[in-house]
């Protein structure tokens, strides 16, 4: 499939990453459309820009946050790939350096210790250190069955983002140091740890995904989290290679590989 027969959909409020990907996509020859979620979902059938010559369907992809993607993707036949909700919790301790559990938030309310709690694949539950379970959003705001990841608190000296594609570290870069934004190259040790993670648990990930890793002050490497590539910022990562991953992570449902069918959001 040529790039000219592909469309990348992005929301009109562009993030820095969206601007980089838009520029890269246009340079490659993709059609780029900035559209509101309502403009896509409320129209009769597929929008005119989602079809090619003679009315043939374009291959449509997107880069956006979960709330936008959840509305737009079904309307455009896009399959959104993401890691299983419990992927991080099922990793061996050697790759996480901390206890991590996936549980319903109703169970997390009973925590009586500080813990880092977050939603597995979106921002529904703010990713924060909570003093105890009583500080989490209550049942009046969140379905008690909502799954959250609960982990021991771990502080990272330096953090890296890995764009994984077809079982390889396709692109990588540093994005934080001592909790502050700081962009830079990944370094050989980060790339080596990324390959170690792929060897141990890459078969339980979709073919295109983002994984964040970090190193603490004691020199221990650990997986921080997995993120959907279609909703991830590319920071200082080469936008060409980030776009490769995004296009696979959010593309036509009709083009899914057998492996990726198990990872559709």
C-alpha atoms as a PDB file:
ATOM      1  CA  UNK A   1       0.000   0.000   0.000  1.00  0.00           C
ATOM      2  CA  UNK A   2       1.410   3.386  -0.987  1.00  0.00           C
ATOM      3  CA  UNK A   3       1.500   6.322   1.400  1.00  0.00           C
ATOM      4  CA  UNK A   4      -0.700   8.256  -1.048  1.00  0.00           C
ATOM      5  CA  UNK A   5      -3.535   5.822  -0.295  1.00  0.00           C
ATOM      6  CA  UNK A   6      -3.337   6.437   3.458  1.00  0.00           C
ATOM      7  CA  UNK A   7      -4.917   9.094   5.644  1.00  0.00           C
ATOM      8  CA  UNK A   8      -3.758  10.150   9.116  1.00  0.00           C
ATOM      9  CA  UNK A   9      -6.483  11.653  11.306  1.00  0.00           C
ATOM     10  CA  UNK A  10      -5.503  13.945  14.179  1.00  0.00           C
ATOM     11  CA  UNK A  11      -7.543  16.228  16.473  1.00  0.00           C
ATOM     12  CA  UNK A  12      -7.506  19.957  15.717  1.00  0.00           C
ATOM     13  CA  UNK A  13      -5.802  20.831  19.027  1.00  0.00           C
ATOM     14  CA  UNK A  14      -2.327  19.694  18.041  1.00  0.00           C
ATOM     15  CA  UNK A  15       0.212  18.528  20.588  1.00  0.00           C
ATOM     16  CA  UNK A  16       3.914  18.906  19.863  1.00  0.00           C
ATOM     17  CA  UNK A  17       4.029  15.220  18.893  1.00  0.00           C
ATOM     18  CA  UNK A  18       1.039  15.568  16.583  1.00  0.00           C
ATOM     19  CA  UNK A  19       2.743  18.471  14.809  1.00  0.00           C
ATOM     20  CA  UNK A  20       5.880  16.397  14.275  1.00  0.00           C
ATOM     21  CA  UNK A  21       3.915  13.421  12.996  1.00  0.00           C
ATOM     22  CA  UNK A  22       1.792  15.637  10.739  1.00  0.00           C
ATOM     23  CA  UNK A  23       4.904  17.117   9.139  1.00  0.00           C
ATOM     24  CA  UNK A  24       6.445  13.663   8.711  1.00  0.00           C
ATOM     25  CA  UNK A  25       3.250  12.182   7.270  1.00  0.00           C
ATOM     26  CA  UNK A  26       2.854  15.008   4.752  1.00  0.00           C
ATOM     27  CA  UNK A  27       6.466  14.629   3.677  1.00  0.00           C
ATOM     28  CA  UNK A  28       5.827  10.929   3.042  1.00  0.00           C
ATOM     29  CA  UNK A  29       2.772  11.709   0.929  1.00  0.00           C
ATOM     30  CA  UNK A  30      -0.017  10.759   3.343  1.00  0.00           C
ATOM     31  CA  UNK A  31      -3.203  12.757   3.468  1.00  0.00           C
ATOM     32  CA  UNK A  32      -3.525  14.419   6.896  1.00  0.00           C
ATOM     33  CA  UNK A  33      -6.935  15.439   8.211  1.00  0.00           C
ATOM     34  CA  UNK A  34      -7.569  17.492  11.344  1.00  0.00           C
ATOM     35  CA  UNK A  35     -11.105  16.660  12.439  1.00  0.00           C
ATOM     36  CA  UNK A  36     -13.260  16.833  15.533  1.00  0.00           C
ATOM     37  CA  UNK A  37     -14.652  13.605  16.900  1.00  0.00           C
ATOM     38  CA  UNK A  38     -18.222  14.754  16.283  1.00  0.00           C
ATOM     39  CA  UNK A  39     -17.501  15.622  12.648  1.00  0.00           C
ATOM     40  CA  UNK A  40     -16.389  12.040  12.034  1.00  0.00           C
ATOM     41  CA  UNK A  41     -18.961  10.140  14.091  1.00  0.00           C
ATOM     42  CA  UNK A  42     -22.144  12.096  13.356  1.00  0.00           C
ATOM     43  CA  UNK A  43     -21.989  12.203   9.562  1.00  0.00           C
ATOM     44  CA  UNK A  44     -23.821   9.723   7.281  1.00  0.00           C
ATOM     45  CA  UNK A  45     -21.255   7.042   6.492  1.00  0.00           C
ATOM     46  CA  UNK A  46     -17.531   7.553   5.954  1.00  0.00           C
ATOM     47  CA  UNK A  47     -16.401  11.143   5.366  1.00  0.00           C
ATOM     48  CA  UNK A  48     -15.471  12.055   1.819  1.00  0.00           C
ATOM     49  CA  UNK A  49     -11.794  12.396   2.794  1.00  0.00           C
ATOM     50  CA  UNK A  50     -11.767   8.755   3.969  1.00  0.00           C
ATOM     51  CA  UNK A  51     -12.317   7.460   0.443  1.00  0.00           C
ATOM     52  CA  UNK A  52     -10.086   7.323  -2.582  1.00  0.00           C
ATOM     53  CA  UNK A  53     -10.671   7.459  -6.300  1.00  0.00           C
ATOM     54  CA  UNK A  54     -13.961   5.889  -7.372  1.00  0.00           C
ATOM     55  CA  UNK A  55     -15.150   5.756  -3.768  1.00  0.00           C
ATOM     56  CA  UNK A  56     -12.637   3.114  -2.696  1.00  0.00           C
ATOM     57  CA  UNK A  57     -11.866   3.208   1.011  1.00  0.00           C
ATOM     58  CA  UNK A  58      -8.584   4.752   2.078  1.00  0.00           C
ATOM     59  CA  UNK A  59      -6.464   3.112   4.758  1.00  0.00           C
ATOM     60  CA  UNK A  60      -7.193   5.442   7.652  1.00  0.00           C
ATOM     61  CA  UNK A  61      -4.950   5.775  10.717  1.00  0.00           C
ATOM     62  CA  UNK A  62      -5.009   8.106  13.706  1.00  0.00           C
ATOM     63  CA  UNK A  63      -2.871   9.705  16.377  1.00  0.00           C
ATOM     64  CA  UNK A  64      -4.897  11.014  19.306  1.00  0.00           C
ATOM     65  CA  UNK A  65      -5.846  10.583  22.930  1.00  0.00           C
ATOM     66  CA  UNK A  66      -8.141   7.752  24.046  1.00  0.00           C
ATOM     67  CA  UNK A  67     -11.361   9.786  24.312  1.00  0.00           C
ATOM     68  CA  UNK A  68     -11.017  11.006  20.704  1.00  0.00           C
ATOM     69  CA  UNK A  69      -9.861   7.615  19.451  1.00  0.00           C
ATOM     70  CA  UNK A  70     -12.717   5.714  21.095  1.00  0.00           C
ATOM     71  CA  UNK A  71     -15.243   7.792  19.138  1.00  0.00           C
ATOM     72  CA  UNK A  72     -13.428   8.082  15.826  1.00  0.00           C
ATOM     73  CA  UNK A  73     -11.873   4.623  15.406  1.00  0.00           C
ATOM     74  CA  UNK A  74     -15.158   2.629  15.159  1.00  0.00           C
ATOM     75  CA  UNK A  75     -16.587   5.127  12.667  1.00  0.00           C
ATOM     76  CA  UNK A  76     -13.547   4.762  10.409  1.00  0.00           C
ATOM     77  CA  UNK A  77     -12.904   1.027  10.805  1.00  0.00           C
ATOM     78  CA  UNK A  78      -9.653   1.579  12.696  1.00  0.00           C
ATOM     79  CA  UNK A  79      -8.343  -1.111  15.051  1.00  0.00           C
ATOM     80  CA  UNK A  80      -6.557   0.396  18.056  1.00  0.00           C
ATOM     81  CA  UNK A  81      -3.790  -1.816  19.410  1.00  0.00           C
ATOM     82  CA  UNK A  82      -2.760  -1.730  23.067  1.00  0.00           C
ATOM     83  CA  UNK A  83      -1.063  -3.930  25.656  1.00  0.00           C
ATOM     84  CA  UNK A  84      -3.266  -6.162  27.832  1.00  0.00           C
ATOM     85  CA  UNK A  85      -4.407  -4.408  31.006  1.00  0.00           C
ATOM     86  CA  UNK A  86      -2.415  -6.828  33.165  1.00  0.00           C
ATOM     87  CA  UNK A  87       0.749  -6.992  31.007  1.00  0.00           C
ATOM     88  CA  UNK A  88       2.835  -4.946  33.425  1.00  0.00           C
ATOM     89  CA  UNK A  89       1.556  -6.864  36.458  1.00  0.00           C
ATOM     90  CA  UNK A  90       2.495 -10.198  34.867  1.00  0.00           C
ATOM     91  CA  UNK A  91       6.115  -9.267  34.194  1.00  0.00           C
ATOM     92  CA  UNK A  92       8.752 -11.030  36.305  1.00  0.00           C
ATOM     93  CA  UNK A  93      10.089  -9.082  39.276  1.00  0.00           C
ATOM     94  CA  UNK A  94      13.496  -8.940  37.572  1.00  0.00           C
ATOM     95  CA  UNK A  95      11.975  -6.619  34.932  1.00  0.00           C
ATOM     96  CA  UNK A  96       9.917  -4.412  37.254  1.00  0.00           C
ATOM     97  CA  UNK A  97      11.978  -4.264  40.492  1.00  0.00           C
ATOM     98  CA  UNK A  98       8.703  -3.733  42.393  1.00  0.00           C
ATOM     99  CA  UNK A  99       5.427  -5.398  43.207  1.00  0.00           C
ATOM    100  CA  UNK A 100       2.711  -4.565  40.671  1.00  0.00           C
ATOM    101  CA  UNK A 101      -0.844  -5.872  40.728  1.00  0.00           C
ATOM    102  CA  UNK A 102      -3.865  -5.389  38.482  1.00  0.00           C
ATOM    103  CA  UNK A 103      -7.107  -5.192  40.468  1.00  0.00           C
ATOM    104  CA  UNK A 104     -10.587  -3.632  40.442  1.00  0.00           C
ATOM    105  CA  UNK A 105     -10.512  -0.167  41.967  1.00  0.00           C
ATOM    106  CA  UNK A 106     -13.051  -1.435  44.494  1.00  0.00           C
ATOM    107  CA  UNK A 107     -10.269  -3.636  45.901  1.00  0.00           C
ATOM    108  CA  UNK A 108      -7.717  -0.821  45.717  1.00  0.00           C
ATOM    109  CA  UNK A 109      -9.914   1.265  48.026  1.00  0.00           C
ATOM    110  CA  UNK A 110      -8.786  -1.048  50.844  1.00  0.00           C
ATOM    111  CA  UNK A 111      -5.101  -0.105  50.488  1.00  0.00           C
ATOM    112  CA  UNK A 112      -3.663   1.212  53.740  1.00  0.00           C
ATOM    113  CA  UNK A 113      -0.228   2.186  52.463  1.00  0.00           C
ATOM    114  CA  UNK A 114       1.193   4.574  49.858  1.00  0.00           C
ATOM    115  CA  UNK A 115       1.051   3.132  46.339  1.00  0.00           C
ATOM    116  CA  UNK A 116       1.402   4.317  42.770  1.00  0.00           C
ATOM    117  CA  UNK A 117      -1.947   3.772  41.051  1.00  0.00           C
ATOM    118  CA  UNK A 118      -2.917   4.328  37.420  1.00  0.00           C
ATOM    119  CA  UNK A 119      -5.220   3.159  34.665  1.00  0.00           C
ATOM    120  CA  UNK A 120      -3.556   0.481  32.513  1.00  0.00           C
ATOM    121  CA  UNK A 121      -4.168   2.080  29.109  1.00  0.00           C
ATOM    122  CA  UNK A 122      -5.581   5.582  29.493  1.00  0.00           C
ATOM    123  CA  UNK A 123      -5.785   8.525  31.885  1.00  0.00           C
ATOM    124  CA  UNK A 124      -9.082   7.569  33.523  1.00  0.00           C
ATOM    125  CA  UNK A 125      -7.432   7.224  36.930  1.00  0.00           C
ATOM    126  CA  UNK A 126      -4.719   9.885  37.358  1.00  0.00           C
ATOM    127  CA  UNK A 127      -1.285   8.268  37.607  1.00  0.00           C
ATOM    128  CA  UNK A 128      -0.186   9.353  41.072  1.00  0.00           C
ATOM    129  CA  UNK A 129       1.236   8.168  44.363  1.00  0.00           C
ATOM    130  CA  UNK A 130      -1.811   7.883  46.648  1.00  0.00           C
ATOM    131  CA  UNK A 131      -1.303   7.939  50.425  1.00  0.00           C
ATOM    132  CA  UNK A 132      -3.845   5.119  50.702  1.00  0.00           C
ATOM    133  CA  UNK A 133      -6.874   3.728  48.888  1.00  0.00           C
ATOM    134  CA  UNK A 134      -9.229   6.284  50.374  1.00  0.00           C
ATOM    135  CA  UNK A 135      -7.601   8.988  48.236  1.00  0.00           C
ATOM    136  CA  UNK A 136      -8.596   7.322  44.951  1.00  0.00           C
ATOM    137  CA  UNK A 137     -11.573   8.616  42.923  1.00  0.00           C
ATOM    138  CA  UNK A 138     -14.680   7.261  44.643  1.00  0.00           C
ATOM    139  CA  UNK A 139     -17.475   4.979  43.410  1.00  0.00           C
ATOM    140  CA  UNK A 140     -19.576   8.034  42.577  1.00  0.00           C
ATOM    141  CA  UNK A 141     -16.999   8.887  39.877  1.00  0.00           C
ATOM    142  CA  UNK A 142     -15.626   5.484  38.811  1.00  0.00           C
ATOM    143  CA  UNK A 143     -17.230   2.109  38.153  1.00  0.00           C
ATOM    144  CA  UNK A 144     -16.058  -0.131  41.051  1.00  0.00           C
ATOM    145  CA  UNK A 145     -15.089  -2.844  38.528  1.00  0.00           C
ATOM    146  CA  UNK A 146     -12.609  -0.528  36.755  1.00  0.00           C
ATOM    147  CA  UNK A 147      -9.205  -2.210  36.644  1.00  0.00           C
ATOM    148  CA  UNK A 148      -6.227  -0.253  37.951  1.00  0.00           C
ATOM    149  CA  UNK A 149      -2.535  -1.032  38.279  1.00  0.00           C
ATOM    150  CA  UNK A 150      -1.241  -0.763  41.829  1.00  0.00           C
ATOM    151  CA  UNK A 151       2.512  -0.762  42.351  1.00  0.00           C
ATOM    152  CA  UNK A 152       5.141  -0.085  44.969  1.00  0.00           C
ATOM    153  CA  UNK A 153       6.535   3.428  44.725  1.00  0.00           C
ATOM    154  CA  UNK A 154       9.767   3.531  42.723  1.00  0.00           C
ATOM    155  CA  UNK A 155      11.750   6.634  41.803  1.00  0.00           C
ATOM    156  CA  UNK A 156      13.597   6.720  38.495  1.00  0.00           C
ATOM    157  CA  UNK A 157      16.783   8.677  37.896  1.00  0.00           C
ATOM    158  CA  UNK A 158      16.337   8.551  34.128  1.00  0.00           C
ATOM    159  CA  UNK A 159      13.473   7.429  31.867  1.00  0.00           C
ATOM    160  CA  UNK A 160      13.315   6.298  28.245  1.00  0.00           C
ATOM    161  CA  UNK A 161      10.574   5.730  25.683  1.00  0.00           C
ATOM    162  CA  UNK A 162      10.813   2.753  23.348  1.00  0.00           C
ATOM    163  CA  UNK A 163       8.725   2.471  20.181  1.00  0.00           C
ATOM    164  CA  UNK A 164       8.464  -1.257  19.546  1.00  0.00           C
ATOM    165  CA  UNK A 165       7.607  -2.605  16.107  1.00  0.00           C
ATOM    166  CA  UNK A 166       7.579  -6.240  15.000  1.00  0.00           C
ATOM    167  CA  UNK A 167       9.494  -7.422  18.026  1.00  0.00           C
ATOM    168  CA  UNK A 168      12.303  -4.874  17.779  1.00  0.00           C
ATOM    169  CA  UNK A 169      13.181  -1.550  19.399  1.00  0.00           C
ATOM    170  CA  UNK A 170      12.318   0.510  16.328  1.00  0.00           C
ATOM    171  CA  UNK A 171      13.028   3.882  17.942  1.00  0.00           C
ATOM    172  CA  UNK A 172      14.026   5.111  21.381  1.00  0.00           C
ATOM    173  CA  UNK A 173      14.964   8.188  23.319  1.00  0.00           C
ATOM    174  CA  UNK A 174      15.382   9.609  26.794  1.00  0.00           C
ATOM    175  CA  UNK A 175      12.490  11.777  27.965  1.00  0.00           C
ATOM    176  CA  UNK A 176      13.133  12.492  31.650  1.00  0.00           C
ATOM    177  CA  UNK A 177      15.851  12.810  34.255  1.00  0.00           C
ATOM    178  CA  UNK A 178      15.144  13.076  37.993  1.00  0.00           C
ATOM    179  CA  UNK A 179      11.472  13.474  37.214  1.00  0.00           C
ATOM    180  CA  UNK A 180      11.938  16.417  34.867  1.00  0.00           C
ATOM    181  CA  UNK A 181      11.611  16.550  31.102  1.00  0.00           C
ATOM    182  CA  UNK A 182      15.009  16.060  29.525  1.00  0.00           C
ATOM    183  CA  UNK A 183      15.396  14.732  25.986  1.00  0.00           C
ATOM    184  CA  UNK A 184      18.370  12.786  24.764  1.00  0.00           C
ATOM    185  CA  UNK A 185      19.605   9.626  23.043  1.00  0.00           C
ATOM    186  CA  UNK A 186      18.703   6.260  24.549  1.00  0.00           C
ATOM    187  CA  UNK A 187      22.164   4.905  25.317  1.00  0.00           C
ATOM    188  CA  UNK A 188      23.354   1.339  24.834  1.00  0.00           C
ATOM    189  CA  UNK A 189      22.226   0.129  28.270  1.00  0.00           C
ATOM    190  CA  UNK A 190      18.639   1.291  27.681  1.00  0.00           C
ATOM    191  CA  UNK A 191      18.516  -0.407  24.293  1.00  0.00           C
ATOM    192  CA  UNK A 192      19.918  -3.610  25.775  1.00  0.00           C
ATOM    193  CA  UNK A 193      17.273  -3.611  28.513  1.00  0.00           C
ATOM    194  CA  UNK A 194      14.576  -2.993  25.899  1.00  0.00           C
ATOM    195  CA  UNK A 195      15.702  -6.089  24.025  1.00  0.00           C
ATOM    196  CA  UNK A 196      15.674  -8.041  27.297  1.00  0.00           C
ATOM    197  CA  UNK A 197      12.057  -7.026  27.886  1.00  0.00           C
ATOM    198  CA  UNK A 198      11.100  -8.052  24.365  1.00  0.00           C
ATOM    199  CA  UNK A 199      12.789 -11.432  24.762  1.00  0.00           C
ATOM    200  CA  UNK A 200      10.941 -12.091  28.021  1.00  0.00           C
ATOM    201  CA  UNK A 201       7.492 -10.686  27.300  1.00  0.00           C
ATOM    202  CA  UNK A 202       7.340  -9.331  23.761  1.00  0.00           C
ATOM    203  CA  UNK A 203       5.064 -12.134  22.616  1.00  0.00           C
ATOM    204  CA  UNK A 204       2.378 -10.750  24.958  1.00  0.00           C
ATOM    205  CA  UNK A 205       2.428  -7.353  23.249  1.00  0.00           C
ATOM    206  CA  UNK A 206       0.913  -6.178  19.956  1.00  0.00           C
ATOM    207  CA  UNK A 207       3.228  -5.737  16.982  1.00  0.00           C
ATOM    208  CA  UNK A 208       3.283  -1.962  17.554  1.00  0.00           C
ATOM    209  CA  UNK A 209       3.353  -0.432  21.031  1.00  0.00           C
ATOM    210  CA  UNK A 210       5.304   1.929  23.279  1.00  0.00           C
ATOM    211  CA  UNK A 211       7.070   0.786  26.437  1.00  0.00           C
ATOM    212  CA  UNK A 212       8.671   3.167  28.920  1.00  0.00           C
ATOM    213  CA  UNK A 213      11.665   1.981  30.932  1.00  0.00           C
ATOM    214  CA  UNK A 214      13.887   3.576  33.536  1.00  0.00           C
ATOM    215  CA  UNK A 215      16.929   3.247  35.772  1.00  0.00           C
ATOM    216  CA  UNK A 216      16.919   4.123  39.462  1.00  0.00           C
ATOM    217  CA  UNK A 217      19.718   5.663  41.523  1.00  0.00           C
ATOM    218  CA  UNK A 218      21.030   2.189  42.371  1.00  0.00           C
ATOM    219  CA  UNK A 219      21.468   1.336  38.704  1.00  0.00           C
ATOM    220  CA  UNK A 220      18.509  -1.064  38.528  1.00  0.00           C
ATOM    221  CA  UNK A 221      16.611  -1.155  35.234  1.00  0.00           C
ATOM    222  CA  UNK A 222      12.830  -1.568  35.272  1.00  0.00           C
ATOM    223  CA  UNK A 223       9.792  -1.373  33.016  1.00  0.00           C
ATOM    224  CA  UNK A 224       7.719   1.697  33.909  1.00  0.00           C
ATOM    225  CA  UNK A 225       4.628   1.060  31.795  1.00  0.00           C
ATOM    226  CA  UNK A 226       3.266   0.168  28.377  1.00  0.00           C
ATOM    227  CA  UNK A 227       1.383   2.748  26.303  1.00  0.00           C
ATOM    228  CA  UNK A 228      -0.624   2.697  23.098  1.00  0.00           C
ATOM    229  CA  UNK A 229       1.613   4.061  20.331  1.00  0.00           C
ATOM    230  CA  UNK A 230      -1.308   5.919  18.734  1.00  0.00           C
ATOM    231  CA  UNK A 231      -1.723   7.998  21.915  1.00  0.00           C
ATOM    232  CA  UNK A 232       1.935   8.436  22.889  1.00  0.00           C
ATOM    233  CA  UNK A 233       4.109  11.493  22.588  1.00  0.00           C
ATOM    234  CA  UNK A 234       7.283  10.954  20.618  1.00  0.00           C
ATOM    235  CA  UNK A 235       9.413  13.386  22.654  1.00  0.00           C
ATOM    236  CA  UNK A 236      12.874  13.359  21.068  1.00  0.00           C
ATOM    237  CA  UNK A 237      12.405  10.080  19.183  1.00  0.00           C
ATOM    238  CA  UNK A 238      12.903  10.255  15.408  1.00  0.00           C
ATOM    239  CA  UNK A 239       9.392  11.121  14.119  1.00  0.00           C
ATOM    240  CA  UNK A 240       9.829   8.983  10.994  1.00  0.00           C
ATOM    241  CA  UNK A 241      10.281   5.860  13.085  1.00  0.00           C
ATOM    242  CA  UNK A 242       7.623   6.875  15.588  1.00  0.00           C
ATOM    243  CA  UNK A 243       5.180   7.290  12.690  1.00  0.00           C
ATOM    244  CA  UNK A 244       5.957   3.767  11.475  1.00  0.00           C
ATOM    245  CA  UNK A 245       4.782   2.463  14.830  1.00  0.00           C
ATOM    246  CA  UNK A 246       1.718   4.706  14.989  1.00  0.00           C
ATOM    247  CA  UNK A 247       0.503   3.638  11.542  1.00  0.00           C
ATOM    248  CA  UNK A 248       0.629  -0.021  12.568  1.00  0.00           C
ATOM    249  CA  UNK A 249      -0.881   0.601  16.009  1.00  0.00           C
ATOM    250  CA  UNK A 250      -3.958   2.386  14.624  1.00  0.00           C
ATOM    251  CA  UNK A 251      -4.840   1.174  11.155  1.00  0.00           C
ATOM    252  CA  UNK A 252      -7.579  -0.621   9.200  1.00  0.00           C
ATOM    253  CA  UNK A 253      -9.207  -3.451  11.124  1.00  0.00           C
ATOM    254  CA  UNK A 254      -9.332  -5.391   7.871  1.00  0.00           C
ATOM    255  CA  UNK A 255      -5.518  -5.453   7.744  1.00  0.00           C
ATOM    256  CA  UNK A 256      -4.958  -6.924  11.219  1.00  0.00           C
ATOM    257  CA  UNK A 257      -2.557  -9.824  11.528  1.00  0.00           C
ATOM    258  CA  UNK A 258      -3.743 -12.916  13.432  1.00  0.00           C
ATOM    259  CA  UNK A 259      -1.351 -12.009  16.253  1.00  0.00           C
ATOM    260  CA  UNK A 260      -2.712  -8.480  16.651  1.00  0.00           C
ATOM    261  CA  UNK A 261      -6.372  -9.452  16.815  1.00  0.00           C
ATOM    262  CA  UNK A 262      -5.934 -10.278  20.499  1.00  0.00           C
ATOM    263  CA  UNK A 263      -4.729  -6.740  21.288  1.00  0.00           C
ATOM    264  CA  UNK A 264      -7.519  -4.563  19.889  1.00  0.00           C
ATOM    265  CA  UNK A 265      -8.806  -2.002  22.391  1.00  0.00           C
END
